């Protein structure tokens, strides 16, 4: 059996991937009045609501070991959820579909075990225009096109749904890929990059080359000439989306 991806790249993940309360609010609103929630591909459990009954499902023991110990967790995969039909009022999946071996089957399983599905995902085409990817790491766009389902495909799978743009705050506390859209110096920190799967999955020489270019552009002022206006923005749409189906 192939060990889960985050058994290899998830060491120290919880240090940079902390819940941002503003993003948590949006996600929890999406859950509506659901009192029982299964968090699929739960990782370290950053966005699990404390005021509801939550059970987490996560395939990586390395990630499970970094959980704070609140909600009970089952070591398992999205494609085979160990629950009966309709066991939960809501199923939650946060930035995880692109790691599943069969995201369609995983979403179908979420529909089977819950009456409401809440999915945080990315729009691969919108994300490709983010400056970090478009200018320094076009390889991430190629990676995302191969592993990230389109919004159209997601909504076709979950059925009738609504899609909301999730603007990301300038000072976002959660260190996912585009969290530092207005703080480019953060990407120079290897510990920050370690918590971003899109970078962790690239070849080391590709990462080194892209980071060297970014460092040079920051030192020379080229980055600020092109993107400095972002330092004055409060929020930005960098391609994150909330899909709610019921």
Protein backbone atom coordinates (compact mmCIF):
# COMPACT_ATOMS: atom_id res chain seq x y z
CA UNK A 1 0.00 0.00 0.00
CA UNK A 2 1.35 3.46 -0.94
CA UNK A 3 1.66 5.67 2.13
CA UNK A 4 -0.39 8.90 2.06
CA UNK A 5 1.26 12.00 0.62
CA UNK A 6 1.31 13.87 3.91
CA UNK A 7 3.22 11.09 5.63
CA UNK A 8 6.08 12.41 3.47
CA UNK A 9 5.49 16.17 3.29
CA UNK A 10 3.39 16.83 6.41
CA UNK A 11 6.10 17.08 9.06
CA UNK A 12 5.64 20.32 11.02
CA UNK A 13 2.52 21.15 9.00
CA UNK A 14 0.62 22.47 12.01
CA UNK A 15 3.24 25.16 12.64
CA UNK A 16 2.24 27.20 9.60
CA UNK A 17 -1.26 25.88 8.86
CA UNK A 18 -3.36 27.40 11.61
CA UNK A 19 -7.03 28.30 11.23
CA UNK A 20 -7.81 31.89 10.29
CA UNK A 21 -10.91 32.92 12.24
CA UNK A 22 -12.36 34.92 9.31
CA UNK A 23 -12.11 31.94 6.99
CA UNK A 24 -13.48 29.67 9.72
CA UNK A 25 -16.53 31.92 10.01
CA UNK A 26 -17.29 31.54 6.30
CA UNK A 27 -16.90 27.76 6.44
CA UNK A 28 -19.02 27.37 9.56
CA UNK A 29 -21.76 29.54 8.03
CA UNK A 30 -21.70 27.17 5.08
CA UNK A 31 -22.50 24.28 7.43
CA UNK A 32 -25.82 25.95 8.22
CA UNK A 33 -27.58 24.44 11.22
CA UNK A 34 -25.98 21.01 10.85
CA UNK A 35 -25.17 19.58 14.27
CA UNK A 36 -23.22 16.52 13.13
CA UNK A 37 -20.28 16.88 10.74
CA UNK A 38 -17.78 14.51 9.16
CA UNK A 39 -14.56 16.26 8.17
CA UNK A 40 -13.12 14.36 5.21
CA UNK A 41 -9.41 14.61 4.51
CA UNK A 42 -9.26 16.45 7.80
CA UNK A 43 -5.52 17.01 8.11
CA UNK A 44 -4.68 18.65 11.42
CA UNK A 45 -8.31 19.67 11.96
CA UNK A 46 -7.82 23.43 11.72
CA UNK A 47 -11.40 24.36 10.80
CA UNK A 48 -13.44 21.87 12.78
CA UNK A 49 -16.24 23.68 14.65
CA UNK A 50 -16.13 23.22 18.40
CA UNK A 51 -19.88 23.63 18.93
CA UNK A 52 -20.95 20.61 16.82
CA UNK A 53 -20.40 16.87 16.88
CA UNK A 54 -17.47 16.27 14.55
CA UNK A 55 -15.79 13.08 13.40
CA UNK A 56 -12.65 13.43 11.28
CA UNK A 57 -11.39 11.09 8.56
CA UNK A 58 -7.72 11.41 7.60
CA UNK A 59 -5.40 8.91 5.84
CA UNK A 60 -2.05 10.23 7.11
CA UNK A 61 -0.84 9.19 10.55
CA UNK A 62 1.65 12.04 10.48
CA UNK A 63 -1.23 14.49 10.18
CA UNK A 64 -3.32 12.70 12.78
CA UNK A 65 -0.45 13.03 15.25
CA UNK A 66 -0.54 16.81 14.81
CA UNK A 67 -4.22 17.16 15.63
CA UNK A 68 -5.06 19.11 18.81
CA UNK A 69 -7.07 16.18 20.18
CA UNK A 70 -10.56 17.67 20.04
CA UNK A 71 -12.70 15.70 17.57
CA UNK A 72 -12.31 11.91 17.31
CA UNK A 73 -10.48 10.82 14.17
CA UNK A 74 -10.56 7.71 12.00
CA UNK A 75 -7.65 6.77 9.78
CA UNK A 76 -9.38 6.34 6.43
CA UNK A 77 -9.89 7.72 2.94
CA UNK A 78 -12.59 9.81 1.31
CA UNK A 79 -13.29 7.17 -1.31
CA UNK A 80 -14.50 4.65 1.30
CA UNK A 81 -16.07 6.43 4.26
CA UNK A 82 -16.81 3.93 7.06
CA UNK A 83 -20.29 5.27 7.85
CA UNK A 84 -23.87 4.37 7.02
CA UNK A 85 -25.97 6.40 4.60
CA UNK A 86 -27.18 9.70 6.06
CA UNK A 87 -25.07 9.33 9.20
CA UNK A 88 -24.25 13.06 9.30
CA UNK A 89 -26.11 16.29 8.67
CA UNK A 90 -23.06 17.72 6.87
CA UNK A 91 -19.81 16.59 5.30
CA UNK A 92 -16.86 18.97 5.12
CA UNK A 93 -13.79 18.86 2.85
CA UNK A 94 -11.24 21.70 3.08
CA UNK A 95 -8.54 22.06 0.42
CA UNK A 96 -8.22 18.31 0.11
CA UNK A 97 -9.92 17.13 -3.11
CA UNK A 98 -6.70 17.50 -5.11
CA UNK A 99 -5.01 14.95 -2.84
CA UNK A 100 -7.63 12.22 -3.28
CA UNK A 101 -6.97 9.31 -5.63
CA UNK A 102 -10.54 9.55 -6.98
CA UNK A 103 -12.20 12.85 -6.09
CA UNK A 104 -15.49 11.92 -7.82
CA UNK A 105 -15.82 8.82 -5.71
CA UNK A 106 -14.90 10.81 -2.59
CA UNK A 107 -17.58 13.43 -3.27
CA UNK A 108 -20.09 10.69 -3.98
CA UNK A 109 -19.24 9.18 -0.61
CA UNK A 110 -19.74 12.56 1.06
CA UNK A 111 -23.19 12.75 -0.54
CA UNK A 112 -24.00 9.24 0.64
CA UNK A 113 -23.22 9.86 4.30
CA UNK A 114 -24.59 13.41 4.62
CA UNK A 115 -27.46 15.65 3.58
CA UNK A 116 -25.28 18.73 3.08
CA UNK A 117 -21.80 18.98 1.58
CA UNK A 118 -19.41 21.90 2.13
CA UNK A 119 -16.24 21.93 0.05
CA UNK A 120 -13.40 24.46 0.07
CA UNK A 121 -11.46 24.13 -3.15
CA UNK A 122 -9.60 26.15 -5.77
CA UNK A 123 -10.54 27.28 -9.25
CA UNK A 124 -7.42 26.08 -11.13
CA UNK A 125 -7.75 28.70 -13.88
CA UNK A 126 -8.20 31.60 -11.44
CA UNK A 127 -5.33 30.33 -9.29
CA UNK A 128 -3.03 30.15 -12.33
CA UNK A 129 -3.11 33.95 -12.59
CA UNK A 130 -1.84 34.42 -9.01
CA UNK A 131 1.53 36.20 -9.26
CA UNK A 132 3.52 33.51 -7.43
CA UNK A 133 2.41 30.93 -9.96
CA UNK A 134 2.22 33.05 -13.11
CA UNK A 135 5.62 34.68 -12.61
CA UNK A 136 7.75 32.32 -10.53
CA UNK A 137 6.23 28.84 -10.44
CA UNK A 138 4.24 28.06 -13.60
CA UNK A 139 4.93 24.42 -12.76
CA UNK A 140 2.29 24.69 -10.03
CA UNK A 141 -0.33 25.58 -12.65
CA UNK A 142 0.54 22.42 -14.55
CA UNK A 143 0.36 20.41 -11.34
CA UNK A 144 -3.02 21.93 -10.43
CA UNK A 145 -4.53 21.30 -13.84
CA UNK A 146 -3.67 17.64 -13.44
CA UNK A 147 -4.92 17.18 -9.88
CA UNK A 148 -7.52 19.90 -9.17
CA UNK A 149 -11.05 19.30 -10.45
CA UNK A 150 -12.77 22.21 -12.16
CA UNK A 151 -15.70 23.91 -10.44
CA UNK A 152 -17.97 22.66 -13.22
CA UNK A 153 -16.93 19.05 -12.59
CA UNK A 154 -17.35 19.45 -8.83
CA UNK A 155 -20.86 20.89 -9.11
CA UNK A 156 -21.85 18.20 -11.61
CA UNK A 157 -20.79 15.57 -9.08
CA UNK A 158 -22.40 17.04 -5.95
CA UNK A 159 -25.55 18.18 -7.77
CA UNK A 160 -27.47 21.39 -7.13
CA UNK A 161 -25.08 23.73 -5.35
CA UNK A 162 -23.93 27.28 -4.82
CA UNK A 163 -20.37 28.51 -5.34
CA UNK A 164 -19.00 31.43 -3.35
CA UNK A 165 -15.77 33.36 -3.84
CA UNK A 166 -13.60 33.21 -0.71
CA UNK A 167 -11.47 36.39 -0.61
CA UNK A 168 -8.30 35.88 1.44
CA UNK A 169 -7.34 38.55 4.02
CA UNK A 170 -3.96 40.28 3.77
CA UNK A 171 -2.82 39.00 7.17
CA UNK A 172 -4.22 35.48 6.78
CA UNK A 173 -3.08 33.24 9.65
CA UNK A 174 -3.32 30.03 7.63
CA UNK A 175 -0.24 29.49 5.47
CA UNK A 176 -1.74 27.83 2.39
CA UNK A 177 -0.40 28.51 -1.11
CA UNK A 178 -1.78 32.00 -1.79
CA UNK A 179 -2.11 33.16 1.83
CA UNK A 180 0.90 35.49 1.48
CA UNK A 181 -0.33 37.26 -1.67
CA UNK A 182 0.63 40.66 -0.19
CA UNK A 183 3.58 39.47 1.92
CA UNK A 184 5.95 37.97 -0.67
CA UNK A 185 8.93 37.80 1.68
CA UNK A 186 7.19 34.94 3.51
CA UNK A 187 7.80 32.58 0.58
CA UNK A 188 11.55 32.92 1.12
CA UNK A 189 11.13 31.04 4.43
CA UNK A 190 11.63 27.29 3.95
CA UNK A 191 9.35 26.50 6.92
CA UNK A 192 6.52 28.40 5.21
CA UNK A 193 7.12 26.53 1.95
CA UNK A 194 7.09 23.20 3.80
CA UNK A 195 3.42 23.74 4.65
CA UNK A 196 2.43 24.34 1.02
CA UNK A 197 1.90 21.13 -0.93
CA UNK A 198 2.07 22.90 -4.30
CA UNK A 199 5.68 23.84 -3.54
CA UNK A 200 6.58 20.72 -1.56
CA UNK A 201 5.68 18.54 -4.55
CA UNK A 202 7.97 20.35 -7.00
CA UNK A 203 11.51 19.21 -7.73
CA UNK A 204 14.02 20.91 -5.37
CA UNK A 205 15.89 22.60 -8.22
CA UNK A 206 12.63 24.07 -9.56
CA UNK A 207 11.85 25.51 -6.13
CA UNK A 208 15.39 26.85 -5.72
CA UNK A 209 15.26 28.57 -9.11
CA UNK A 210 11.87 30.18 -8.48
CA UNK A 211 12.78 31.35 -4.98
CA UNK A 212 16.07 32.82 -6.24
CA UNK A 213 14.15 34.81 -8.86
CA UNK A 214 11.68 36.04 -6.25
CA UNK A 215 14.47 37.04 -3.87
CA UNK A 216 16.27 38.95 -6.64
CA UNK A 217 13.07 40.76 -7.63
CA UNK A 218 12.35 41.74 -4.03
CA UNK A 219 15.87 43.03 -3.49
CA UNK A 220 15.91 44.96 -6.77
CA UNK A 221 12.41 46.40 -6.32
CA UNK A 222 11.05 44.68 -9.44
CA UNK A 223 8.40 42.83 -7.45
CA UNK A 224 7.11 46.06 -5.91
CA UNK A 225 7.07 47.79 -9.27
CA UNK A 226 4.78 45.07 -10.62
CA UNK A 227 2.80 43.97 -7.58
CA UNK A 228 3.47 46.51 -4.82
CA UNK A 229 -0.14 47.73 -4.91
CA UNK A 230 -1.09 44.44 -3.25
CA UNK A 231 0.66 45.51 -0.07
CA UNK A 232 -2.09 48.12 0.38
CA UNK A 233 -5.07 45.79 -0.21
CA UNK A 234 -7.16 44.27 2.57
CA UNK A 235 -8.44 41.15 0.81
CA UNK A 236 -7.89 39.49 -2.55
CA UNK A 237 -9.60 36.85 -4.67
CA UNK A 238 -6.82 34.41 -5.48
CA UNK A 239 -9.01 31.54 -6.63
CA UNK A 240 -10.38 29.92 -3.47
CA UNK A 241 -14.02 28.85 -3.62
CA UNK A 242 -16.67 27.53 -1.23
CA UNK A 243 -19.09 25.00 -2.73
CA UNK A 244 -22.27 24.22 -0.77
CA UNK A 245 -24.61 21.44 -1.88
CA UNK A 246 -27.76 20.14 -0.25
